[in-house]
């Protein structure tokens, strides 16, 4: 651990961190990054078949381009030294009943690449995502997180989210349970 007087790698990376809205030119790189980080995060705990189905349905140049163009969604990209370190997607829309709030905004996706985890990038990216949620008129931010992902659950709790219920998530042909977490904005 470094002292405040002696900046370490994490401090340097945060100084070099740029969080920006994705542009149409980012679609291909974002699709590749999203595919890779999703598989790295969940591949060992799920079948190859279900992962392949989900990835094909969810990540691809045209899919990410459509999301970037969607006026109800904002995609944020976090870069360190020009390298994509993470991304977050925030969108307007309906929420599960357990969220119980008007003007809910969903943190749809939130991923930080493994080499950048534990370096302060995720909290900075979450602050930016919550700021976007406020800009979109949200009064509550919510997200779904797989019940078998304790590291993510702990991170979201540290960011101020509380467990308010559950909903189903379909990965390929398997129905899984996500914890629904929310916070007032």
N, C-alpha and C. Protein backbone atom coordinates (compact mmCIF):
# COMPACT_ATOMS: atom_id res chain seq x y z
N UNK A 1 0.84 -1.18 0.00
CA UNK A 1 0.00 0.00 0.00
C UNK A 1 0.88 1.24 0.00
N UNK A 2 0.51 2.19 -0.80
CA UNK A 2 1.31 3.41 -0.88
C UNK A 2 0.71 4.50 -0.02
N UNK A 3 1.55 5.38 0.44
CA UNK A 3 1.05 6.50 1.23
C UNK A 3 0.61 7.61 0.29
N UNK A 4 -0.22 8.54 0.80
CA UNK A 4 -0.68 9.64 -0.04
C UNK A 4 0.47 10.47 -0.60
N UNK A 5 1.58 10.54 0.14
CA UNK A 5 2.70 11.35 -0.32
C UNK A 5 3.49 10.68 -1.44
N UNK A 6 3.32 9.37 -1.58
CA UNK A 6 4.04 8.63 -2.61
C UNK A 6 3.03 7.98 -3.53
N UNK A 7 2.70 8.67 -4.63
CA UNK A 7 1.69 8.09 -5.53
C UNK A 7 2.14 6.73 -6.05
N UNK A 8 1.21 5.81 -6.05
CA UNK A 8 1.47 4.48 -6.58
C UNK A 8 0.78 4.30 -7.92
N UNK A 9 0.81 3.08 -8.41
CA UNK A 9 0.22 2.77 -9.71
C UNK A 9 -1.26 3.13 -9.77
N UNK A 10 -2.01 2.82 -8.72
CA UNK A 10 -3.44 3.12 -8.71
C UNK A 10 -3.68 4.61 -8.83
N UNK A 11 -2.90 5.42 -8.09
CA UNK A 11 -3.05 6.86 -8.16
C UNK A 11 -2.75 7.37 -9.56
N UNK A 12 -1.69 6.84 -10.15
CA UNK A 12 -1.32 7.24 -11.51
C UNK A 12 -2.42 6.88 -12.48
N UNK A 13 -2.98 5.67 -12.35
CA UNK A 13 -4.04 5.27 -13.26
C UNK A 13 -5.27 6.14 -13.10
N UNK A 14 -5.62 6.50 -11.87
CA UNK A 14 -6.78 7.38 -11.69
C UNK A 14 -6.51 8.75 -12.30
N UNK A 15 -5.29 9.22 -12.22
CA UNK A 15 -4.95 10.49 -12.86
C UNK A 15 -5.06 10.37 -14.37
N UNK A 16 -4.80 9.19 -14.91
CA UNK A 16 -4.85 8.96 -16.35
C UNK A 16 -6.22 8.48 -16.82
N UNK A 17 -7.14 8.25 -15.90
CA UNK A 17 -8.46 7.73 -16.24
C UNK A 17 -9.30 8.81 -16.92
N UNK A 18 -9.84 8.44 -18.06
CA UNK A 18 -10.78 9.29 -18.78
C UNK A 18 -12.08 8.51 -18.89
N UNK A 19 -13.16 9.10 -18.42
CA UNK A 19 -14.48 8.49 -18.56
C UNK A 19 -15.27 9.38 -19.50
N UNK A 20 -15.76 8.78 -20.58
CA UNK A 20 -16.46 9.55 -21.60
C UNK A 20 -17.64 8.76 -22.13
N UNK A 21 -18.54 9.47 -22.79
CA UNK A 21 -19.65 8.80 -23.45
C UNK A 21 -19.12 8.12 -24.71
N UNK A 22 -19.60 6.92 -24.94
CA UNK A 22 -19.18 6.17 -26.13
C UNK A 22 -19.71 6.87 -27.37
N UNK A 23 -18.94 6.78 -28.43
CA UNK A 23 -19.37 7.29 -29.73
C UNK A 23 -19.61 6.10 -30.66
N UNK A 24 -20.22 6.36 -31.79
CA UNK A 24 -20.47 5.29 -32.75
C UNK A 24 -19.19 4.57 -33.15
N UNK A 25 -18.09 5.30 -33.17
CA UNK A 25 -16.80 4.70 -33.55
C UNK A 25 -16.33 3.66 -32.52
N UNK A 26 -16.89 3.67 -31.33
CA UNK A 26 -16.50 2.72 -30.27
C UNK A 26 -17.21 1.38 -30.37
N UNK A 27 -18.21 1.25 -31.22
CA UNK A 27 -19.07 0.06 -31.22
C UNK A 27 -18.29 -1.24 -31.32
N UNK A 28 -17.39 -1.35 -32.26
CA UNK A 28 -16.64 -2.59 -32.45
C UNK A 28 -15.76 -2.94 -31.27
N UNK A 29 -15.00 -1.96 -30.78
CA UNK A 29 -14.12 -2.20 -29.64
C UNK A 29 -14.94 -2.51 -28.39
N UNK A 30 -16.06 -1.82 -28.22
CA UNK A 30 -16.92 -2.06 -27.07
C UNK A 30 -17.51 -3.47 -27.12
N UNK A 31 -17.96 -3.90 -28.29
CA UNK A 31 -18.51 -5.25 -28.44
C UNK A 31 -17.47 -6.30 -28.07
N UNK A 32 -16.25 -6.14 -28.57
CA UNK A 32 -15.18 -7.11 -28.27
C UNK A 32 -14.84 -7.11 -26.79
N UNK A 33 -14.75 -5.93 -26.19
CA UNK A 33 -14.45 -5.80 -24.77
C UNK A 33 -15.56 -6.43 -23.93
N UNK A 34 -16.81 -6.12 -24.26
CA UNK A 34 -17.95 -6.65 -23.50
C UNK A 34 -18.00 -8.17 -23.59
N UNK A 35 -17.82 -8.71 -24.78
CA UNK A 35 -17.81 -10.16 -24.96
C UNK A 35 -16.74 -10.79 -24.07
N UNK A 36 -15.53 -10.28 -24.18
CA UNK A 36 -14.40 -10.86 -23.46
C UNK A 36 -14.58 -10.77 -21.95
N UNK A 37 -14.96 -9.60 -21.45
CA UNK A 37 -15.09 -9.46 -20.00
C UNK A 37 -16.26 -10.27 -19.45
N UNK A 38 -17.34 -10.39 -20.22
CA UNK A 38 -18.46 -11.21 -19.78
C UNK A 38 -18.04 -12.67 -19.66
N UNK A 39 -17.37 -13.18 -20.68
CA UNK A 39 -16.93 -14.58 -20.67
C UNK A 39 -15.91 -14.81 -19.55
N UNK A 40 -14.97 -13.88 -19.36
CA UNK A 40 -14.00 -14.02 -18.28
C UNK A 40 -14.67 -14.03 -16.91
N UNK A 41 -15.72 -13.24 -16.76
CA UNK A 41 -16.40 -13.12 -15.47
C UNK A 41 -17.27 -14.33 -15.16
N UNK A 42 -17.99 -14.84 -16.17
CA UNK A 42 -19.01 -15.85 -15.91
C UNK A 42 -18.77 -17.20 -16.59
N UNK A 43 -17.77 -17.30 -17.43
CA UNK A 43 -17.55 -18.50 -18.22
C UNK A 43 -17.30 -19.76 -17.42
N UNK A 44 -16.53 -19.66 -16.34
CA UNK A 44 -16.19 -20.85 -15.55
C UNK A 44 -17.40 -21.43 -14.82
N UNK A 45 -18.40 -20.61 -14.55
CA UNK A 45 -19.55 -21.07 -13.77
C UNK A 45 -20.76 -21.43 -14.63
N UNK A 46 -20.61 -21.36 -15.93
CA UNK A 46 -21.72 -21.64 -16.84
C UNK A 46 -21.24 -22.50 -18.00
N UNK A 47 -22.18 -23.12 -18.69
CA UNK A 47 -21.80 -23.99 -19.80
C UNK A 47 -21.36 -23.17 -21.00
N UNK A 48 -20.50 -23.76 -21.79
CA UNK A 48 -20.05 -23.09 -23.02
C UNK A 48 -21.24 -22.78 -23.93
N UNK A 49 -22.20 -23.70 -23.99
CA UNK A 49 -23.37 -23.51 -24.86
C UNK A 49 -24.19 -22.29 -24.43
N UNK A 50 -24.47 -22.19 -23.13
CA UNK A 50 -25.24 -21.05 -22.65
C UNK A 50 -24.48 -19.74 -22.81
N UNK A 51 -23.19 -19.78 -22.58
CA UNK A 51 -22.39 -18.57 -22.78
C UNK A 51 -22.42 -18.15 -24.25
N UNK A 52 -22.27 -19.11 -25.16
CA UNK A 52 -22.27 -18.79 -26.59
C UNK A 52 -23.61 -18.18 -27.02
N UNK A 53 -24.70 -18.74 -26.55
CA UNK A 53 -26.03 -18.21 -26.89
C UNK A 53 -26.16 -16.78 -26.39
N UNK A 54 -25.82 -16.56 -25.13
CA UNK A 54 -25.96 -15.23 -24.55
C UNK A 54 -25.07 -14.20 -25.26
N UNK A 55 -23.84 -14.56 -25.46
CA UNK A 55 -22.90 -13.62 -26.10
C UNK A 55 -23.38 -13.28 -27.51
N UNK A 56 -23.87 -14.26 -28.25
CA UNK A 56 -24.35 -13.99 -29.62
C UNK A 56 -25.56 -13.06 -29.61
N UNK A 57 -26.42 -13.20 -28.61
CA UNK A 57 -27.63 -12.37 -28.52
C UNK A 57 -27.36 -10.97 -27.99
N UNK A 58 -26.27 -10.80 -27.27
CA UNK A 58 -26.06 -9.59 -26.49
C UNK A 58 -24.93 -8.70 -26.98
N UNK A 59 -23.89 -9.28 -27.54
CA UNK A 59 -22.71 -8.50 -27.89
C UNK A 59 -22.35 -8.68 -29.36
N UNK A 60 -22.21 -7.58 -30.05
CA UNK A 60 -21.80 -7.58 -31.45
C UNK A 60 -21.75 -6.14 -31.92
N UNK A 61 -20.99 -5.89 -32.94
CA UNK A 61 -20.81 -4.52 -33.43
C UNK A 61 -22.15 -3.82 -33.65
N UNK A 62 -23.07 -4.49 -34.35
CA UNK A 62 -24.36 -3.86 -34.66
C UNK A 62 -25.20 -3.66 -33.40
N UNK A 63 -25.13 -4.61 -32.47
CA UNK A 63 -25.88 -4.47 -31.22
C UNK A 63 -25.37 -3.31 -30.39
N UNK A 64 -24.05 -3.21 -30.24
CA UNK A 64 -23.51 -2.11 -29.44
C UNK A 64 -23.71 -0.76 -30.14
N UNK A 65 -23.65 -0.74 -31.47
CA UNK A 65 -23.93 0.50 -32.20
C UNK A 65 -25.36 0.95 -31.94
N UNK A 66 -26.31 0.02 -31.98
CA UNK A 66 -27.71 0.36 -31.70
C UNK A 66 -27.87 0.89 -30.28
N UNK A 67 -27.16 0.30 -29.32
CA UNK A 67 -27.24 0.78 -27.94
C UNK A 67 -26.65 2.18 -27.81
N UNK A 68 -25.55 2.43 -28.48
CA UNK A 68 -24.94 3.76 -28.43
C UNK A 68 -25.88 4.80 -29.02
N UNK A 69 -26.62 4.42 -30.05
CA UNK A 69 -27.56 5.35 -30.70
C UNK A 69 -28.88 5.50 -29.94
N UNK A 70 -29.18 4.59 -29.04
CA UNK A 70 -30.45 4.58 -28.31
C UNK A 70 -30.53 5.79 -27.37
N UNK A 71 -31.53 6.63 -27.55
CA UNK A 71 -31.66 7.85 -26.74
C UNK A 71 -32.06 7.57 -25.29
N UNK A 72 -32.51 6.36 -24.99
CA UNK A 72 -32.87 6.03 -23.61
C UNK A 72 -31.70 5.41 -22.85
N UNK A 73 -30.53 5.33 -23.49
CA UNK A 73 -29.37 4.66 -22.90
C UNK A 73 -28.13 5.52 -23.07
N UNK A 74 -27.25 5.46 -22.08
CA UNK A 74 -25.94 6.11 -22.19
C UNK A 74 -24.90 5.04 -21.90
N UNK A 75 -23.92 4.95 -22.79
CA UNK A 75 -22.81 4.03 -22.59
C UNK A 75 -21.58 4.87 -22.25
N UNK A 76 -20.97 4.56 -21.12
CA UNK A 76 -19.75 5.23 -20.69
C UNK A 76 -18.57 4.29 -20.88
N UNK A 77 -17.47 4.85 -21.34
CA UNK A 77 -16.23 4.09 -21.52
C UNK A 77 -15.19 4.70 -20.60
N UNK A 78 -14.50 3.85 -19.84
CA UNK A 78 -13.39 4.29 -19.01
C UNK A 78 -12.09 3.83 -19.65
N UNK A 79 -11.19 4.78 -19.87
CA UNK A 79 -9.92 4.46 -20.53
C UNK A 79 -8.75 4.94 -19.66
N UNK A 80 -7.70 4.15 -19.67
CA UNK A 80 -6.45 4.53 -19.02
C UNK A 80 -5.38 4.49 -20.09
N UNK A 81 -4.79 5.64 -20.34
CA UNK A 81 -3.75 5.71 -21.37
C UNK A 81 -4.24 5.26 -22.72
N UNK A 82 -5.50 5.53 -23.04
CA UNK A 82 -6.06 5.15 -24.33
C UNK A 82 -6.52 3.71 -24.42
N UNK A 83 -6.35 2.93 -23.34
CA UNK A 83 -6.78 1.54 -23.31
C UNK A 83 -8.10 1.43 -22.57
N UNK A 84 -9.07 0.73 -23.16
CA UNK A 84 -10.36 0.56 -22.50
C UNK A 84 -10.16 -0.27 -21.24
N UNK A 85 -10.54 0.33 -20.10
CA UNK A 85 -10.40 -0.33 -18.81
C UNK A 85 -11.73 -0.80 -18.27
N UNK A 86 -12.83 -0.20 -18.73
CA UNK A 86 -14.15 -0.58 -18.26
C UNK A 86 -15.23 0.15 -19.02
N UNK A 87 -16.46 -0.27 -18.78
CA UNK A 87 -17.59 0.44 -19.37
C UNK A 87 -18.81 0.24 -18.49
N UNK A 88 -19.74 1.17 -18.63
CA UNK A 88 -21.01 1.09 -17.91
C UNK A 88 -22.10 1.55 -18.86
N UNK A 89 -23.27 0.93 -18.72
CA UNK A 89 -24.44 1.34 -19.50
C UNK A 89 -25.57 1.65 -18.54
N UNK A 90 -26.19 2.78 -18.76
CA UNK A 90 -27.26 3.27 -17.92
C UNK A 90 -28.45 3.52 -18.82
N UNK A 91 -29.66 3.08 -18.39
CA UNK A 91 -30.82 3.29 -19.27
C UNK A 91 -32.09 3.59 -18.50
N UNK A 92 -32.94 4.38 -19.16
CA UNK A 92 -34.30 4.63 -18.67
C UNK A 92 -35.14 3.41 -19.01
N UNK A 93 -36.18 3.21 -18.25
CA UNK A 93 -37.09 2.11 -18.55
C UNK A 93 -37.78 1.63 -17.30
N UNK A 94 -38.52 0.57 -17.46
CA UNK A 94 -39.23 0.02 -16.31
C UNK A 94 -38.26 -0.72 -15.39
N UNK A 95 -38.71 -0.91 -14.17
CA UNK A 95 -37.90 -1.61 -13.18
C UNK A 95 -38.77 -2.68 -12.53
N UNK A 96 -38.16 -3.70 -11.94
CA UNK A 96 -38.95 -4.68 -11.19
C UNK A 96 -39.73 -3.99 -10.08
N UNK A 97 -40.86 -4.56 -9.71
CA UNK A 97 -41.72 -3.96 -8.68
C UNK A 97 -40.98 -3.74 -7.37
N UNK A 98 -40.00 -4.58 -7.07
CA UNK A 98 -39.28 -4.46 -5.80
C UNK A 98 -38.47 -3.17 -5.71
N UNK A 99 -38.19 -2.52 -6.84
CA UNK A 99 -37.47 -1.25 -6.81
C UNK A 99 -38.36 -0.18 -6.20
N UNK A 100 -39.65 -0.22 -6.51
CA UNK A 100 -40.65 0.60 -5.86
C UNK A 100 -40.42 2.09 -5.89
N UNK A 101 -40.01 2.63 -6.99
CA UNK A 101 -39.75 4.06 -7.06
C UNK A 101 -40.12 4.60 -8.43
N UNK A 102 -40.57 5.83 -8.44
CA UNK A 102 -40.79 6.51 -9.72
C UNK A 102 -39.43 6.92 -10.28
N UNK A 103 -39.38 7.06 -11.57
CA UNK A 103 -38.16 7.50 -12.26
C UNK A 103 -36.95 6.60 -11.99
N UNK A 104 -37.10 5.28 -12.18
CA UNK A 104 -35.96 4.39 -11.98
C UNK A 104 -35.02 4.42 -13.19
N UNK A 105 -33.74 4.36 -12.93
CA UNK A 105 -32.72 4.28 -13.97
C UNK A 105 -31.89 3.03 -13.68
N UNK A 106 -31.73 2.20 -14.69
CA UNK A 106 -31.00 0.95 -14.52
C UNK A 106 -29.53 1.10 -14.90
N UNK A 107 -28.66 0.58 -14.05
CA UNK A 107 -27.26 0.37 -14.43
C UNK A 107 -27.27 -1.01 -15.07
N UNK A 108 -27.41 -1.01 -16.38
CA UNK A 108 -27.61 -2.25 -17.13
C UNK A 108 -26.37 -3.12 -17.15
N UNK A 109 -25.25 -2.52 -17.46
CA UNK A 109 -23.98 -3.27 -17.51
C UNK A 109 -22.91 -2.45 -16.82
N UNK A 110 -22.00 -3.16 -16.15
CA UNK A 110 -20.91 -2.50 -15.45
C UNK A 110 -19.75 -3.48 -15.39
N UNK A 111 -18.70 -3.22 -16.16
CA UNK A 111 -17.56 -4.13 -16.21
C UNK A 111 -16.26 -3.36 -16.18
N UNK A 112 -15.31 -3.86 -15.40
CA UNK A 112 -13.94 -3.35 -15.38
C UNK A 112 -13.04 -4.53 -15.71
N UNK A 113 -12.13 -4.31 -16.64
CA UNK A 113 -11.21 -5.36 -17.07
C UNK A 113 -10.34 -5.81 -15.89
N UNK A 114 -10.08 -7.09 -15.81
CA UNK A 114 -9.33 -7.66 -14.68
C UNK A 114 -8.02 -6.94 -14.37
N UNK A 115 -7.20 -6.60 -15.36
CA UNK A 115 -5.94 -5.93 -15.01
C UNK A 115 -6.14 -4.57 -14.32
N UNK A 116 -7.33 -4.01 -14.43
CA UNK A 116 -7.60 -2.69 -13.84
C UNK A 116 -8.43 -2.77 -12.56
N UNK A 117 -8.81 -3.96 -12.14
CA UNK A 117 -9.62 -4.11 -10.94
C UNK A 117 -8.78 -3.82 -9.70
N UNK A 118 -9.42 -3.25 -8.68
CA UNK A 118 -8.73 -2.96 -7.44
C UNK A 118 -7.87 -1.73 -7.48
N UNK A 119 -8.04 -0.89 -8.48
CA UNK A 119 -7.19 0.29 -8.65
C UNK A 119 -7.97 1.59 -8.62
N UNK A 120 -9.21 1.53 -8.14
CA UNK A 120 -10.00 2.74 -8.00
C UNK A 120 -10.80 3.13 -9.24
N UNK A 121 -10.66 2.36 -10.29
CA UNK A 121 -11.37 2.69 -11.54
C UNK A 121 -12.86 2.41 -11.41
N UNK A 122 -13.21 1.28 -10.81
CA UNK A 122 -14.63 0.91 -10.68
C UNK A 122 -15.42 1.95 -9.89
N UNK A 123 -14.94 2.42 -8.73
CA UNK A 123 -15.71 3.45 -8.02
C UNK A 123 -15.87 4.74 -8.84
N UNK A 124 -14.83 5.13 -9.55
CA UNK A 124 -14.92 6.34 -10.39
C UNK A 124 -15.94 6.14 -11.51
N UNK A 125 -15.93 4.97 -12.12
CA UNK A 125 -16.88 4.67 -13.19
C UNK A 125 -18.31 4.63 -12.64
N UNK A 126 -18.49 4.07 -11.44
CA UNK A 126 -19.83 4.03 -10.85
C UNK A 126 -20.31 5.44 -10.52
N UNK A 127 -19.44 6.30 -10.00
CA UNK A 127 -19.84 7.69 -9.74
C UNK A 127 -20.31 8.35 -11.02
N UNK A 128 -19.59 8.12 -12.11
CA UNK A 128 -19.98 8.70 -13.40
C UNK A 128 -21.32 8.13 -13.86
N UNK A 129 -21.53 6.83 -13.69
CA UNK A 129 -22.79 6.20 -14.09
C UNK A 129 -23.96 6.78 -13.28
N UNK A 130 -23.76 6.98 -11.99
CA UNK A 130 -24.83 7.53 -11.16
C UNK A 130 -25.10 9.00 -11.51
N UNK A 131 -24.07 9.72 -11.89
CA UNK A 131 -24.28 11.09 -12.36
C UNK A 131 -25.12 11.10 -13.63
N UNK A 132 -24.86 10.18 -14.54
CA UNK A 132 -25.68 10.06 -15.75
C UNK A 132 -27.11 9.71 -15.39
N UNK A 133 -27.29 8.81 -14.43
CA UNK A 133 -28.64 8.44 -13.99
C UNK A 133 -29.40 9.68 -13.52
N UNK A 134 -28.72 10.55 -12.79
CA UNK A 134 -29.35 11.80 -12.34
C UNK A 134 -29.68 12.69 -13.54
N UNK A 135 -28.74 12.79 -14.49
CA UNK A 135 -28.96 13.60 -15.70
C UNK A 135 -30.17 13.11 -16.48
N UNK A 136 -30.41 11.80 -16.45
CA UNK A 136 -31.55 11.22 -17.15
C UNK A 136 -32.86 11.39 -16.38
N UNK A 137 -32.80 12.06 -15.25
CA UNK A 137 -33.99 12.32 -14.47
C UNK A 137 -34.32 11.25 -13.45
N UNK A 138 -33.38 10.37 -13.20
CA UNK A 138 -33.63 9.29 -12.25
C UNK A 138 -33.66 9.76 -10.81
N UNK A 139 -34.53 9.12 -10.05
CA UNK A 139 -34.56 9.34 -8.61
C UNK A 139 -34.06 8.11 -7.86
N UNK A 140 -34.01 7.00 -8.57
CA UNK A 140 -33.49 5.75 -8.03
C UNK A 140 -32.65 5.07 -9.10
N UNK A 141 -31.50 4.58 -8.71
CA UNK A 141 -30.69 3.74 -9.60
C UNK A 141 -30.85 2.31 -9.12
N UNK A 142 -30.93 1.38 -10.08
CA UNK A 142 -31.06 -0.02 -9.70
C UNK A 142 -30.24 -0.87 -10.67
N UNK A 143 -29.96 -2.09 -10.24
CA UNK A 143 -29.23 -3.04 -11.09
C UNK A 143 -29.56 -4.44 -10.66
N UNK A 144 -29.31 -5.37 -11.56
CA UNK A 144 -29.42 -6.79 -11.26
C UNK A 144 -28.02 -7.38 -11.24
N UNK A 145 -27.73 -8.19 -10.25
CA UNK A 145 -26.41 -8.81 -10.12
C UNK A 145 -26.62 -10.28 -9.77
N UNK A 146 -25.92 -11.16 -10.47
CA UNK A 146 -26.08 -12.59 -10.26
C UNK A 146 -25.84 -12.93 -8.80
N UNK A 147 -26.75 -13.70 -8.23
CA UNK A 147 -26.64 -14.06 -6.82
C UNK A 147 -25.37 -14.84 -6.49
N UNK A 148 -24.72 -15.40 -7.49
CA UNK A 148 -23.48 -16.14 -7.29
C UNK A 148 -22.24 -15.30 -7.60
N UNK A 149 -22.38 -13.98 -7.51
CA UNK A 149 -21.26 -13.08 -7.76
C UNK A 149 -21.03 -12.21 -6.52
N UNK A 150 -20.49 -12.81 -5.44
CA UNK A 150 -20.37 -12.08 -4.17
C UNK A 150 -19.45 -10.86 -4.27
N UNK A 151 -18.44 -10.92 -5.10
CA UNK A 151 -17.53 -9.77 -5.23
C UNK A 151 -18.28 -8.55 -5.76
N UNK A 152 -19.10 -8.76 -6.79
CA UNK A 152 -19.87 -7.65 -7.36
C UNK A 152 -20.91 -7.15 -6.36
N UNK A 153 -21.57 -8.07 -5.67
CA UNK A 153 -22.57 -7.68 -4.68
C UNK A 153 -21.93 -6.80 -3.61
N UNK A 154 -20.75 -7.19 -3.14
CA UNK A 154 -20.05 -6.40 -2.12
C UNK A 154 -19.65 -5.03 -2.67
N UNK A 155 -19.20 -4.98 -3.92
CA UNK A 155 -18.83 -3.70 -4.51
C UNK A 155 -20.04 -2.78 -4.60
N UNK A 156 -21.16 -3.29 -5.10
CA UNK A 156 -22.35 -2.46 -5.23
C UNK A 156 -22.84 -1.98 -3.86
N UNK A 157 -22.76 -2.83 -2.85
CA UNK A 157 -23.14 -2.41 -1.50
C UNK A 157 -22.23 -1.28 -1.02
N UNK A 158 -20.95 -1.40 -1.30
CA UNK A 158 -19.99 -0.35 -0.93
C UNK A 158 -20.32 0.97 -1.64
N UNK A 159 -20.92 0.88 -2.81
CA UNK A 159 -21.31 2.07 -3.58
C UNK A 159 -22.66 2.63 -3.13
N UNK A 160 -23.30 2.00 -2.15
CA UNK A 160 -24.54 2.52 -1.62
C UNK A 160 -25.80 1.80 -2.07
N UNK A 161 -25.67 0.75 -2.85
CA UNK A 161 -26.84 -0.03 -3.27
C UNK A 161 -27.24 -0.99 -2.15
N UNK A 162 -28.55 -1.20 -2.02
CA UNK A 162 -29.06 -2.18 -1.05
C UNK A 162 -29.91 -3.20 -1.79
N UNK A 163 -29.91 -4.41 -1.26
CA UNK A 163 -30.69 -5.50 -1.85
C UNK A 163 -32.17 -5.24 -1.58
N UNK A 164 -32.96 -5.22 -2.66
CA UNK A 164 -34.40 -4.96 -2.51
C UNK A 164 -35.25 -6.11 -3.03
N UNK A 165 -34.63 -7.15 -3.56
CA UNK A 165 -35.41 -8.27 -4.08
C UNK A 165 -34.62 -9.05 -5.11
N UNK A 166 -35.36 -9.72 -5.98
CA UNK A 166 -34.71 -10.53 -7.01
C UNK A 166 -35.54 -10.51 -8.28
N UNK A 167 -34.89 -10.90 -9.37
CA UNK A 167 -35.59 -11.15 -10.63
C UNK A 167 -34.81 -12.20 -11.40
N UNK A 168 -35.43 -12.72 -12.44
CA UNK A 168 -34.78 -13.77 -13.22
C UNK A 168 -33.93 -13.15 -14.32
N UNK A 169 -32.91 -13.88 -14.67
CA UNK A 169 -32.01 -13.53 -15.75
C UNK A 169 -31.83 -14.80 -16.57
N UNK A 170 -32.04 -14.70 -17.88
CA UNK A 170 -31.89 -15.88 -18.73
C UNK A 170 -30.53 -15.82 -19.41
N UNK A 171 -29.72 -16.83 -19.14
CA UNK A 171 -28.41 -16.97 -19.76
C UNK A 171 -28.49 -18.17 -20.69
N UNK A 172 -28.59 -17.92 -21.97
CA UNK A 172 -28.76 -19.01 -22.92
C UNK A 172 -30.10 -19.68 -22.72
N UNK A 173 -30.08 -20.92 -22.24
CA UNK A 173 -31.32 -21.65 -21.98
C UNK A 173 -31.57 -21.84 -20.49
N UNK A 174 -30.72 -21.26 -19.65
CA UNK A 174 -30.84 -21.42 -18.20
C UNK A 174 -31.39 -20.16 -17.55
N UNK A 175 -32.34 -20.35 -16.66
CA UNK A 175 -32.88 -19.24 -15.88
C UNK A 175 -32.10 -19.15 -14.57
N UNK A 176 -31.54 -17.98 -14.31
CA UNK A 176 -30.77 -17.74 -13.09
C UNK A 176 -31.46 -16.66 -12.26
N UNK A 177 -31.01 -16.49 -11.04
CA UNK A 177 -31.57 -15.46 -10.17
C UNK A 177 -30.56 -14.35 -9.96
N UNK A 178 -31.02 -13.13 -10.23
CA UNK A 178 -30.24 -11.93 -9.94
C UNK A 178 -30.80 -11.29 -8.69
N UNK A 179 -29.93 -10.79 -7.84
CA UNK A 179 -30.34 -9.91 -6.76
C UNK A 179 -30.59 -8.54 -7.39
N UNK A 180 -31.64 -7.89 -7.00
CA UNK A 180 -31.93 -6.53 -7.43
C UNK A 180 -31.46 -5.61 -6.32
N UNK A 181 -30.60 -4.68 -6.69
CA UNK A 181 -30.07 -3.71 -5.72
C UNK A 181 -30.42 -2.32 -6.20
N UNK A 182 -30.70 -1.43 -5.26
CA UNK A 182 -31.13 -0.09 -5.63
C UNK A 182 -30.59 0.94 -4.64
N UNK A 183 -30.59 2.19 -5.08
CA UNK A 183 -30.24 3.30 -4.19
C UNK A 183 -30.96 4.56 -4.65
N UNK A 184 -31.32 5.41 -3.70
CA UNK A 184 -31.92 6.70 -4.01
C UNK A 184 -30.82 7.60 -4.55
N UNK A 185 -31.19 8.42 -5.52
CA UNK A 185 -30.22 9.35 -6.10
C UNK A 185 -30.40 10.74 -5.51
